[in-house]
Structures are given as structure tokens and as C-alpha cells.
C-alpha atoms as a PDB file:
ATOM      1  CA  UNK A   1     153.207 107.078  99.704  1.00  0.00           C
ATOM      2  CA  UNK A   2     153.820 104.498  97.213  1.00  0.00           C
ATOM      3  CA  UNK A   3     156.666 102.714  98.747  1.00  0.00           C
ATOM      4  CA  UNK A   4     156.101  99.318  99.637  1.00  0.00           C
ATOM      5  CA  UNK A   5     153.176  98.811  97.220  1.00  0.00           C
ATOM      6  CA  UNK A   6     155.308  95.803  95.298  1.00  0.00           C
ATOM      7  CA  UNK A   7     155.942  94.123  98.219  1.00  0.00           C
ATOM      8  CA  UNK A   8     152.411  94.186  99.833  1.00  0.00           C
ATOM      9  CA  UNK A   9     151.118  92.917  96.315  1.00  0.00           C
ATOM     10  CA  UNK A  10     153.796  90.017  96.590  1.00  0.00           C
ATOM     11  CA  UNK A  11     152.795  89.375 100.015  1.00  0.00           C
ATOM     12  CA  UNK A  12     149.091  89.088  98.923  1.00  0.00           C
ATOM     13  CA  UNK A  13     149.864  86.719  96.215  1.00  0.00           C
ATOM     14  CA  UNK A  14     151.773  84.566  98.662  1.00  0.00           C
ATOM     15  CA  UNK A  15     148.958  84.416 101.141  1.00  0.00           C
ATOM     16  CA  UNK A  16     146.425  82.999  98.731  1.00  0.00           C
ATOM     17  CA  UNK A  17     148.915  80.615  96.500  1.00  0.00           C
ATOM     18  CA  UNK A  18     148.142  77.767  98.514  1.00  0.00           C
ATOM     19  CA  UNK A  19     144.522  78.576  99.992  1.00  0.00           C
ATOM     20  CA  UNK A  20     142.518  76.073  98.232  1.00  0.00           C
ATOM     21  CA  UNK A  21     144.791  72.958  98.435  1.00  0.00           C
ATOM     22  CA  UNK A  22     142.256  70.210  99.100  1.00  0.00           C
ATOM     23  CA  UNK A  23     142.711  66.470  99.676  1.00  0.00           C
ATOM     24  CA  UNK A  24     139.681  64.690  99.031  1.00  0.00           C
ATOM     25  CA  UNK A  25     140.636  60.575  98.597  1.00  0.00           C
ATOM     26  CA  UNK A  26     142.913  58.028 100.151  1.00  0.00           C
ATOM     27  CA  UNK A  27     144.474  55.011  98.417  1.00  0.00           C
ATOM     28  CA  UNK A  28     145.356  52.229 100.855  1.00  0.00           C
ATOM     29  CA  UNK A  29     147.542  49.464  99.383  1.00  0.00           C
ATOM     30  CA  UNK A  30     147.467  45.953 100.563  1.00  0.00           C
ATOM     31  CA  UNK A  31     150.837  46.218 102.074  1.00  0.00           C
ATOM     32  CA  UNK A  32     149.287  49.130 104.114  1.00  0.00           C
ATOM     33  CA  UNK A  33     150.978  52.155 102.556  1.00  0.00           C
ATOM     34  CA  UNK A  34     148.624  55.051 102.041  1.00  0.00           C
ATOM     35  CA  UNK A  35     148.382  57.683  99.598  1.00  0.00           C
ATOM     36  CA  UNK A  36     146.338  60.598 100.264  1.00  0.00           C
ATOM     37  CA  UNK A  37     145.613  63.015  97.350  1.00  0.00           C
ATOM     38  CA  UNK A  38     143.550  63.900  94.379  1.00  0.00           C
ATOM     39  CA  UNK A  39     142.707  61.005  91.938  1.00  0.00           C
ATOM     40  CA  UNK A  40     143.531  62.353  88.625  1.00  0.00           C
ATOM     41  CA  UNK A  41     142.415  58.907  86.573  1.00  0.00           C
ATOM     42  CA  UNK A  42     140.449  55.623  87.742  1.00  0.00           C
ATOM     43  CA  UNK A  43     139.558  52.705  85.402  1.00  0.00           C
ATOM     44  CA  UNK A  44     139.449  48.793  86.035  1.00  0.00           C
ATOM     45  CA  UNK A  45     143.098  48.507  85.997  1.00  0.00           C
ATOM     46  CA  UNK A  46     144.926  51.403  87.240  1.00  0.00           C
ATOM     47  CA  UNK A  47     144.671  54.547  89.309  1.00  0.00           C
ATOM     48  CA  UNK A  48     146.844  57.489  89.051  1.00  0.00           C
ATOM     49  CA  UNK A  49     146.696  59.686  92.033  1.00  0.00           C
ATOM     50  CA  UNK A  50     148.592  62.936  92.599  1.00  0.00           C
ATOM     51  CA  UNK A  51     150.247  62.531  95.805  1.00  0.00           C
ATOM     52  CA  UNK A  52     152.396  65.548  97.171  1.00  0.00           C
ATOM     53  CA  UNK A  53     153.848  67.173  93.810  1.00  0.00           C
ATOM     54  CA  UNK A  54     154.225  63.631  92.093  1.00  0.00           C
ATOM     55  CA  UNK A  55     151.681  61.536  89.510  1.00  0.00           C
ATOM     56  CA  UNK A  56     151.599  57.960  91.002  1.00  0.00           C
ATOM     57  CA  UNK A  57     150.546  55.043  89.008  1.00  0.00           C
ATOM     58  CA  UNK A  58     149.088  52.236  91.180  1.00  0.00           C
ATOM     59  CA  UNK A  59     147.606  48.584  89.957  1.00  0.00           C
ATOM     60  CA  UNK A  60     144.199  48.145  91.119  1.00  0.00           C
ATOM     61  CA  UNK A  61     145.526  44.660  92.115  1.00  0.00           C
ATOM     62  CA  UNK A  62     147.539  45.991  94.795  1.00  0.00           C
ATOM     63  CA  UNK A  63     144.727  48.329  96.212  1.00  0.00           C
ATOM     64  CA  UNK A  64     142.862  47.135  99.318  1.00  0.00           C
ATOM     65  CA  UNK A  65     140.724  50.256  99.315  1.00  0.00           C
ATOM     66  CA  UNK A  66     139.982  53.687  97.919  1.00  0.00           C
ATOM     67  CA  UNK A  67     138.064  56.115 100.269  1.00  0.00           C
ATOM     68  CA  UNK A  68     136.670  59.285  98.590  1.00  0.00           C
ATOM     69  CA  UNK A  69     135.495  61.703 101.375  1.00  0.00           C
ATOM     70  CA  UNK A  70     135.893  65.393 101.975  1.00  0.00           C
ATOM     71  CA  UNK A  71     138.622  65.568 104.583  1.00  0.00           C
ATOM     72  CA  UNK A  72     137.157  68.402 106.344  1.00  0.00           C
ATOM     73  CA  UNK A  73     134.105  66.324 107.226  1.00  0.00           C
ATOM     74  CA  UNK A  74     136.027  63.299 108.234  1.00  0.00           C
ATOM     75  CA  UNK A  75     135.125  61.794 111.536  1.00  0.00           C
ATOM     76  CA  UNK A  76     138.209  61.637 114.090  1.00  0.00           C
ATOM     77  CA  UNK A  77     139.119  58.767 116.138  1.00  0.00           C
ATOM     78  CA  UNK A  78     139.345  60.794 119.407  1.00  0.00           C
ATOM     79  CA  UNK A  79     138.293  59.640 122.722  1.00  0.00           C
ATOM     80  CA  UNK A  80     135.975  62.363 122.933  1.00  0.00           C
ATOM     81  CA  UNK A  81     132.963  61.080 120.157  1.00  0.00           C
ATOM     82  CA  UNK A  82     130.753  64.101 120.404  1.00  0.00           C
ATOM     83  CA  UNK A  83     130.128  67.478 121.810  1.00  0.00           C
ATOM     84  CA  UNK A  84     126.250  68.757 122.132  1.00  0.00           C
ATOM     85  CA  UNK A  85     125.389  65.699 120.032  1.00  0.00           C
ATOM     86  CA  UNK A  86     127.513  66.883 117.022  1.00  0.00           C
ATOM     87  CA  UNK A  87     130.226  65.381 115.265  1.00  0.00           C
ATOM     88  CA  UNK A  88     133.996  65.971 115.735  1.00  0.00           C
ATOM     89  CA  UNK A  89     135.532  67.067 112.510  1.00  0.00           C
ATOM     90  CA  UNK A  90     139.197  67.622 111.405  1.00  0.00           C
ATOM     91  CA  UNK A  91     139.987  70.814 108.906  1.00  0.00           C
ATOM     92  CA  UNK A  92     143.484  70.987 108.444  1.00  0.00           C
ATOM     93  CA  UNK A  93     143.507  73.692 106.053  1.00  0.00           C
ATOM     94  CA  UNK A  94     141.186  77.414 106.310  1.00  0.00           C
ATOM     95  CA  UNK A  95     141.112  80.516 104.560  1.00  0.00           C
ATOM     96  CA  UNK A  96     139.639  83.389 106.473  1.00  0.00           C
ATOM     97  CA  UNK A  97     138.139  86.617 105.313  1.00  0.00           C
ATOM     98  CA  UNK A  98     137.395  89.476 107.704  1.00  0.00           C
ATOM     99  CA  UNK A  99     136.207  92.876 108.056  1.00  0.00           C
ATOM    100  CA  UNK A 100     136.760  94.738 111.410  1.00  0.00           C
ATOM    101  CA  UNK A 101     135.957  97.871 112.877  1.00  0.00           C
ATOM    102  CA  UNK A 102     138.510  99.852 115.107  1.00  0.00           C
ATOM    103  CA  UNK A 103     136.924 100.729 118.314  1.00  0.00           C
ATOM    104  CA  UNK A 104     139.666 102.693 119.522  1.00  0.00           C
ATOM    105  CA  UNK A 105     142.923 103.984 117.860  1.00  0.00           C
ATOM    106  CA  UNK A 106     145.883 106.239 119.713  1.00  0.00           C
ATOM    107  CA  UNK A 107     148.524 107.328 117.477  1.00  0.00           C
ATOM    108  CA  UNK A 108     151.862 108.909 119.111  1.00  0.00           C
ATOM    109  CA  UNK A 109     155.295 110.010 118.611  1.00  0.00           C
ATOM    110  CA  UNK A 110     157.549 107.773 120.646  1.00  0.00           C
ATOM    111  CA  UNK A 111     159.335 109.989 123.269  1.00  0.00           C
ATOM    112  CA  UNK A 112     156.338 112.266 123.791  1.00  0.00           C
ATOM    113  CA  UNK A 113     153.820 112.128 126.220  1.00  0.00           C
ATOM    114  CA  UNK A 114     150.740 113.221 124.279  1.00  0.00           C
ATOM    115  CA  UNK A 115     148.835 110.404 122.167  1.00  0.00           C
ATOM    116  CA  UNK A 116     146.576 111.599 119.114  1.00  0.00           C
ATOM    117  CA  UNK A 117     143.119 109.842 118.770  1.00  0.00           C
ATOM    118  CA  UNK A 118     142.380 108.709 115.441  1.00  0.00           C
ATOM    119  CA  UNK A 119     138.932 108.461 113.955  1.00  0.00           C
ATOM    120  CA  UNK A 120     137.607 105.313 113.800  1.00  0.00           C
ATOM    121  CA  UNK A 121     138.236 102.933 110.521  1.00  0.00           C
ATOM    122  CA  UNK A 122     137.762  99.665 109.110  1.00  0.00           C
ATOM    123  CA  UNK A 123     140.244  97.080 108.400  1.00  0.00           C
ATOM    124  CA  UNK A 124     140.057  94.243 106.063  1.00  0.00           C
ATOM    125  CA  UNK A 125     141.967  91.204 106.277  1.00  0.00           C
ATOM    126  CA  UNK A 126     142.465  87.793 104.424  1.00  0.00           C
ATOM    127  CA  UNK A 127     144.254  84.605 106.108  1.00  0.00           C
ATOM    128  CA  UNK A 128     145.350  80.952 105.561  1.00  0.00           C
ATOM    129  CA  UNK A 129     146.085  78.564 108.126  1.00  0.00           C
ATOM    130  CA  UNK A 130     147.232  75.068 108.156  1.00  0.00           C
ATOM    131  CA  UNK A 131     146.640  72.730 111.018  1.00  0.00           C
ATOM    132  CA  UNK A 132     149.377  70.467 112.158  1.00  0.00           C
ATOM    133  CA  UNK A 133     147.103  69.128 114.640  1.00  0.00           C
ATOM    134  CA  UNK A 134     143.413  69.774 114.797  1.00  0.00           C
ATOM    135  CA  UNK A 135     143.968  72.091 117.743  1.00  0.00           C
ATOM    136  CA  UNK A 136     147.031  73.964 116.540  1.00  0.00           C
ATOM    137  CA  UNK A 137     147.563  76.036 113.252  1.00  0.00           C
ATOM    138  CA  UNK A 138     150.137  77.931 111.760  1.00  0.00           C
ATOM    139  CA  UNK A 139     149.385  80.630 109.100  1.00  0.00           C
ATOM    140  CA  UNK A 140     149.902  84.034 107.151  1.00  0.00           C
ATOM    141  CA  UNK A 141     148.071  87.104 106.814  1.00  0.00           C
ATOM    142  CA  UNK A 142     147.471  90.637 105.417  1.00  0.00           C
ATOM    143  CA  UNK A 143     145.274  93.691 106.629  1.00  0.00           C
ATOM    144  CA  UNK A 144     144.146  96.340 104.805  1.00  0.00           C
ATOM    145  CA  UNK A 145     143.107  99.579 106.823  1.00  0.00           C
ATOM    146  CA  UNK A 146     141.344 102.523 105.221  1.00  0.00           C
ATOM    147  CA  UNK A 147     143.023 105.821 105.459  1.00  0.00           C
ATOM    148  CA  UNK A 148     141.799 107.434 108.933  1.00  0.00           C
ATOM    149  CA  UNK A 149     142.032 111.042 110.273  1.00  0.00           C
ATOM    150  CA  UNK A 150     144.162 112.020 113.300  1.00  0.00           C
ATOM    151  CA  UNK A 151     143.037 114.594 115.627  1.00  0.00           C
ATOM    152  CA  UNK A 152     145.603 117.648 116.200  1.00  0.00           C
ATOM    153  CA  UNK A 153     147.654 116.607 113.107  1.00  0.00           C
ATOM    154  CA  UNK A 154     146.398 117.418 109.497  1.00  0.00           C
ATOM    155  CA  UNK A 155     146.219 114.637 106.950  1.00  0.00           C
ATOM    156  CA  UNK A 156     145.551 110.831 107.439  1.00  0.00           C
ATOM    157  CA  UNK A 157     147.383 107.564 107.681  1.00  0.00           C
ATOM    158  CA  UNK A 158     147.014 103.919 107.070  1.00  0.00           C
ATOM    159  CA  UNK A 159     148.966 100.906 107.928  1.00  0.00           C
ATOM    160  CA  UNK A 160     148.998  97.350 105.992  1.00  0.00           C
ATOM    161  CA  UNK A 161     150.521  94.534 108.117  1.00  0.00           C
ATOM    162  CA  UNK A 162     151.720  91.149 106.508  1.00  0.00           C
ATOM    163  CA  UNK A 163     152.433  88.650 109.460  1.00  0.00           C
ATOM    164  CA  UNK A 164     152.734  84.782 110.574  1.00  0.00           C
ATOM    165  CA  UNK A 165     150.083  83.781 112.532  1.00  0.00           C
ATOM    166  CA  UNK A 166     149.615  81.162 115.454  1.00  0.00           C
ATOM    167  CA  UNK A 167     146.243  79.818 116.383  1.00  0.00           C
ATOM    168  CA  UNK A 168     144.981  77.739 119.349  1.00  0.00           C
ATOM    169  CA  UNK A 169     141.522  76.570 118.985  1.00  0.00           C
ATOM    170  CA  UNK A 170     139.073  74.030 120.568  1.00  0.00           C
ATOM    171  CA  UNK A 171     138.434  71.054 118.527  1.00  0.00           C
ATOM    172  CA  UNK A 172     135.920  72.052 115.752  1.00  0.00           C
ATOM    173  CA  UNK A 173     132.628  70.268 115.591  1.00  0.00           C
ATOM    174  CA  UNK A 174     129.631  69.956 113.308  1.00  0.00           C
ATOM    175  CA  UNK A 175     128.252  72.321 112.535  1.00  0.00           C
ATOM    176  CA  UNK A 176     131.480  73.968 112.118  1.00  0.00           C
ATOM    177  CA  UNK A 177     132.131  75.557 115.536  1.00  0.00           C
ATOM    178  CA  UNK A 178     135.055  76.366 117.923  1.00  0.00           C
ATOM    179  CA  UNK A 179     136.593  78.866 120.068  1.00  0.00           C
ATOM    180  CA  UNK A 180     140.177  80.291 119.455  1.00  0.00           C
ATOM    181  CA  UNK A 181     143.375  82.521 120.593  1.00  0.00           C
ATOM    182  CA  UNK A 182     145.549  83.759 117.942  1.00  0.00           C
ATOM    183  CA  UNK A 183     148.976  85.825 118.177  1.00  0.00           C
ATOM    184  CA  UNK A 184     150.072  87.349 114.959  1.00  0.00           C
ATOM    185  CA  UNK A 185     154.014  88.996 114.395  1.00  0.00           C
ATOM    186  CA  UNK A 186     155.179  90.594 110.991  1.00  0.00           C
ATOM    187  CA  UNK A 187     155.809  93.918 109.415  1.00  0.00           C
ATOM    188  CA  UNK A 188     153.556  96.540 108.783  1.00  0.00           C
ATOM    189  CA  UNK A 189     153.592  99.269 105.919  1.00  0.00           C
ATOM    190  CA  UNK A 190     153.270 102.719 106.477  1.00  0.00           C
ATOM    191  CA  UNK A 191     151.468 105.518 104.607  1.00  0.00           C
ATOM    192  CA  UNK A 192     150.939 108.849 105.591  1.00  0.00           C
ATOM    193  CA  UNK A 193     148.463 110.531 103.075  1.00  0.00           C
ATOM    194  CA  UNK A 194     146.668 113.980 102.416  1.00  0.00           C
ATOM    195  CA  UNK A 195     148.381 117.109 104.302  1.00  0.00           C
ATOM    196  CA  UNK A 196     150.380 114.520 106.606  1.00  0.00           C
ATOM    197  CA  UNK A 197     152.342 113.247 103.705  1.00  0.00           C
ATOM    198  CA  UNK A 198     153.863 116.745 103.150  1.00  0.00           C
ATOM    199  CA  UNK A 199     155.365 116.857 106.383  1.00  0.00           C
ATOM    200  CA  UNK A 200     156.964 113.538 106.535  1.00  0.00           C
ATOM    201  CA  UNK A 201     159.579 111.638 104.070  1.00  0.00           C
ATOM    202  CA  UNK A 202     161.538 108.377 104.229  1.00  0.00           C
ATOM    203  CA  UNK A 203     158.618 106.496 105.473  1.00  0.00           C
ATOM    204  CA  UNK A 204     159.295 103.159 106.905  1.00  0.00           C
ATOM    205  CA  UNK A 205     157.276 100.281 108.058  1.00  0.00           C
ATOM    206  CA  UNK A 206     158.090  98.352 111.223  1.00  0.00           C
ATOM    207  CA  UNK A 207     157.256  95.687 113.772  1.00  0.00           C
ATOM    208  CA  UNK A 208     153.513  94.592 114.035  1.00  0.00           C
ATOM    209  CA  UNK A 209     152.217  92.294 116.590  1.00  0.00           C
ATOM    210  CA  UNK A 210     148.836  91.487 117.795  1.00  0.00           C
ATOM    211  CA  UNK A 211     146.734  89.153 119.861  1.00  0.00           C
ATOM    212  CA  UNK A 212     143.024  88.085 119.480  1.00  0.00           C
ATOM    213  CA  UNK A 213     140.248  85.789 120.968  1.00  0.00           C
ATOM    214  CA  UNK A 214     137.317  84.578 118.953  1.00  0.00           C
ATOM    215  CA  UNK A 215     134.658  82.407 118.158  1.00  0.00           C
ATOM    216  CA  UNK A 216     133.250  80.472 114.786  1.00  0.00           C
ATOM    217  CA  UNK A 217     129.777  79.564 114.858  1.00  0.00           C
ATOM    218  CA  UNK A 218     128.542  77.810 111.544  1.00  0.00           C
ATOM    219  CA  UNK A 219     131.651  79.059 109.619  1.00  0.00           C
ATOM    220  CA  UNK A 220     130.663  82.719 110.707  1.00  0.00           C
ATOM    221  CA  UNK A 221     133.827  84.532 112.778  1.00  0.00           C
ATOM    222  CA  UNK A 222     133.662  86.958 115.688  1.00  0.00           C
ATOM    223  CA  UNK A 223     136.999  88.243 116.933  1.00  0.00           C
ATOM    224  CA  UNK A 224     138.224  90.695 119.189  1.00  0.00           C
ATOM    225  CA  UNK A 225     142.028  91.849 118.462  1.00  0.00           C
ATOM    226  CA  UNK A 226     144.674  94.502 119.929  1.00  0.00           C
ATOM    227  CA  UNK A 227     147.355  95.391 117.838  1.00  0.00           C
ATOM    228  CA  UNK A 228     150.376  97.586 117.778  1.00  0.00           C
ATOM    229  CA  UNK A 229     152.105  98.942 114.648  1.00  0.00           C
ATOM    230  CA  UNK A 230     155.466 100.419 114.850  1.00  0.00           C
ATOM    231  CA  UNK A 231     157.150 102.827 111.930  1.00  0.00           C
ATOM    232  CA  UNK A 232     159.720 105.567 111.401  1.00  0.00           C
ATOM    233  CA  UNK A 233     159.718 108.830 109.356  1.00  0.00           C
ATOM    234  CA  UNK A 234     161.507 111.959 108.999  1.00  0.00           C
ATOM    235  CA  UNK A 235     160.265 115.132 109.162  1.00  0.00           C
ATOM    236  CA  UNK A 236     160.593 117.203 105.743  1.00  0.00           C
ATOM    237  CA  UNK A 237     163.678 119.551 105.329  1.00  0.00           C
ATOM    238  CA  UNK A 238     165.023 118.444 108.594  1.00  0.00           C
ATOM    239  CA  UNK A 239     167.283 115.678 109.916  1.00  0.00           C
ATOM    240  CA  UNK A 240     164.865 114.834 112.767  1.00  0.00           C
ATOM    241  CA  UNK A 241     163.688 111.079 112.721  1.00  0.00           C
ATOM    242  CA  UNK A 242     160.703 110.181 114.633  1.00  0.00           C
ATOM    243  CA  UNK A 243     159.405 106.914 115.903  1.00  0.00           C
ATOM    244  CA  UNK A 244     155.937 106.277 115.438  1.00  0.00           C
ATOM    245  CA  UNK A 245     153.812 103.617 117.251  1.00  0.00           C
ATOM    246  CA  UNK A 246     149.733 103.256 116.440  1.00  0.00           C
ATOM    247  CA  UNK A 247     147.645 101.186 118.803  1.00  0.00           C
ATOM    248  CA  UNK A 248     144.390  99.776 117.931  1.00  0.00           C
ATOM    249  CA  UNK A 249     141.343  97.216 119.106  1.00  0.00           C
ATOM    250  CA  UNK A 250     139.434  95.884 116.636  1.00  0.00           C
ATOM    251  CA  UNK A 251     136.089  94.041 116.374  1.00  0.00           C
ATOM    252  CA  UNK A 252     135.989  91.907 113.476  1.00  0.00           C
ATOM    253  CA  UNK A 253     133.198  89.591 111.889  1.00  0.00           C
ATOM    254  CA  UNK A 254     134.105  87.108 108.865  1.00  0.00           C
ATOM    255  CA  UNK A 255     133.739  83.974 107.370  1.00  0.00           C
ATOM    256  CA  UNK A 256     135.688  80.517 107.405  1.00  0.00           C
ATOM    257  CA  UNK A 257     136.347  78.488 104.154  1.00  0.00           C
END
């Protein structure tokens, strides 16, 4: 049951490693060169700015303008100036936390016609996105399920998927609002627990994929997602391997930072 725990922890750490990178200042030089980052020090003669991974020293006499602002609130130069009398905003990084309720769950062994219902459970998720343009983002995420009982099968199971995520959204406006579609693909760790754990051995995770639709309103998130988890295991004291598939539909609420 403890297989894969180390990999889960590593995935979770990687998810949040870059989650809170924020660039709030821009230095425009007389020759047009721009440095966007965090100003580490400024006085009457020099400016030190953290640009990408370097600390750069700039002479004040060579600087045309210093812009200090929250990039997430910066207005765009888009042809669309406002929607519903609100400003369009650029937000190139997002950290999202969610809690979801699985309104539907089906568990079955591939090759068998019978499906087993699972008792509805909760799913906790954390995600990070970077947007290359305002409407398209690439991110990563991890979900944690609570263990849920299976009808007609003794014991419980849960899955922990880690994944890469692609997101298409409408242009965010002030207050922070947009609609979106999301697709995720990755690896789902499989954990049988309680009595069910005694029937299985050599548990392995497998492919995970899901799609979802949602809206963000004043940074509160509402999402509906369909997901499929795949895994493998061997029946204890046999050489019989089984392929497992678990389908869920989840309604989630969350918050966008």
C-alpha cells in the first residue's frame, strides 16, 4: 500500500516549486531594452534587478523608465478594451486549490462486463499554470482521493494522479472572471486498502486522463470533470494479472491565487 509514496511526495514538491514566482517591476532602458523582474536594490545612481536567474546592475543614467506594478493587474493593449465595463487583465501564473465531490464512480476489471459502483468520495487537488498567452496555459497538478468503498468487493481503494494540464480560457477581466476548458494526462498511483489489499499484490498505477469545463468568478472556481484512472494488480497467491479501470465524474469548487 505504501508503494509510490516517495514518488507522490516528489511530484507534490515539484508542483509547488515555481508556484509563487511573481514579477512586479519593469526597467526600460534608453536604448529600448527591457528588464522585467524584481528590483533588489535602488538608489540615486544604480538599480539592481533580479532578471531571470541573474542579478543585473543598471546605471540610473541609462534608464528611461521604471514601472512598478502588479503584473496580474496590468491592462492589456487588446482591441477589446473592456467587457461589462471591467478591465481586461493579464495573469501569467496561477496556483489553484480545489476540493471535489465524486458524484459518480465506476470500478471494474477490464475484460469483465460487470462494473462495481463506488461510494461517492472527495478529491483534493492542487495545480499550477503558466500562460504563454492570456488564453492558453500549460501546468501540472496532483489529486488526492480519500479511500472509498466498493460495492460487492470487500475493502476500499483510492487513486493519486499526477499530471500535465493544458488549459484554454477566455480573457480574464476585473473582477477576476473567465470561463475555461481543461485537459489533463498523467500517471495515477493505485492503492487498495483494508480487506481489498489482502486480495491483491504487485499493484501498479497507470494512465490517467481527464477533461473538464469550468468558470472562475471573483477568483472562486467551479468545475465539472470526467476522469479515467488505469492500473494493474495481481491476485494474491496466483499468477493472474488484472487490468483495472476507475471512472469518475467530479464537481469541484476552488480558489485561484
